Amino acid sequence: MESKESPAASATTDPREAAFFGGLASDWWDPKGSSAMLHRINPLRLGYIREACVDRWGLDRRARAVLSGRRALDVGCGAGLLTEPLSRMGAAVTGIDAAAENIAAAQAHAGALPIVYRSIAVEALAREGATYDLITCLEVIEHVADRPAFFAALRTLLAPDGLFVFSTPNRTPLSYATLIVGAERVLRSIPRGAHDWSKFVQPDELTAELADAGLTVTGVQGMTWRPGTGFVLGRDVSVNYFGTAIPT
């Protein structure tokens, strides 16, 4: 199901960003295509989310459908690279994205998975009154036009005992060298023009902004690349970091 409201007209959505990523919809699921980097880090992302949920709600980490009975919202879902595994974990998942092209690609790929996909802005969804136990927002915050309005809407959408999981690049010289120069311009493992370094958010800034919206950050871990191992989580937040937050 898709909303008739245009996310491009919302306060939180930059229409240029939506158009850029909508233009990548056709090969989102190609592990060697424009989303190759997301494919590489997706197992790490899913492991982080799973452990965060287990810790938050005292779930059985051995359970295959560990999120059974939970409602989840994947914000900025793209073509469903994260949304589909959340559904397979047992959650009743809704995926939203500003680009209608991404939603169409997600719906086409989902097959029989019971996922609700919508092209709708978070503030419009928040006005509908639904709440979710888990909200994921991975590699999205750096593309948001109005972060205070965005976080306020997420807080409205999050259930009282809910969990918000996010990841985003840090604004440091190293992140510029790694993501803008290295990944976009040299290696081309990320589409050129995908990032605006000035919109990257440092962890202390993000913690303060989430607090203003009524969300308390409960943990932050950095993501780095280790030769011979690949992408790992640790203390180094200088390039990219993951975090969890709960309602205040």
Foldseek 3Di string as FASTA:
>chain_A
DADPDQQCPDQWAPVVLLVVLLVQQVCCVPCQDQVVVCVQCVVVVVVVVLVVVCVLPVFDSVDQLRQAPFEEEEEQCQLPPNPLSPLRSHHAYEYEHNHVSRQVNNVVPNPPRNYHYYHHALQVVLVVQAAGQEYEYEQHQLRINDLLSNLLSNLSRYDQSHKYKYKFWALDPVQCCCPQVNCDPPVNSHDHPNGDSVSGHHPVRVQVSNVVSQKHWDDKWAWDQDPPPGIDTHHDRNTMMMTMIHGD
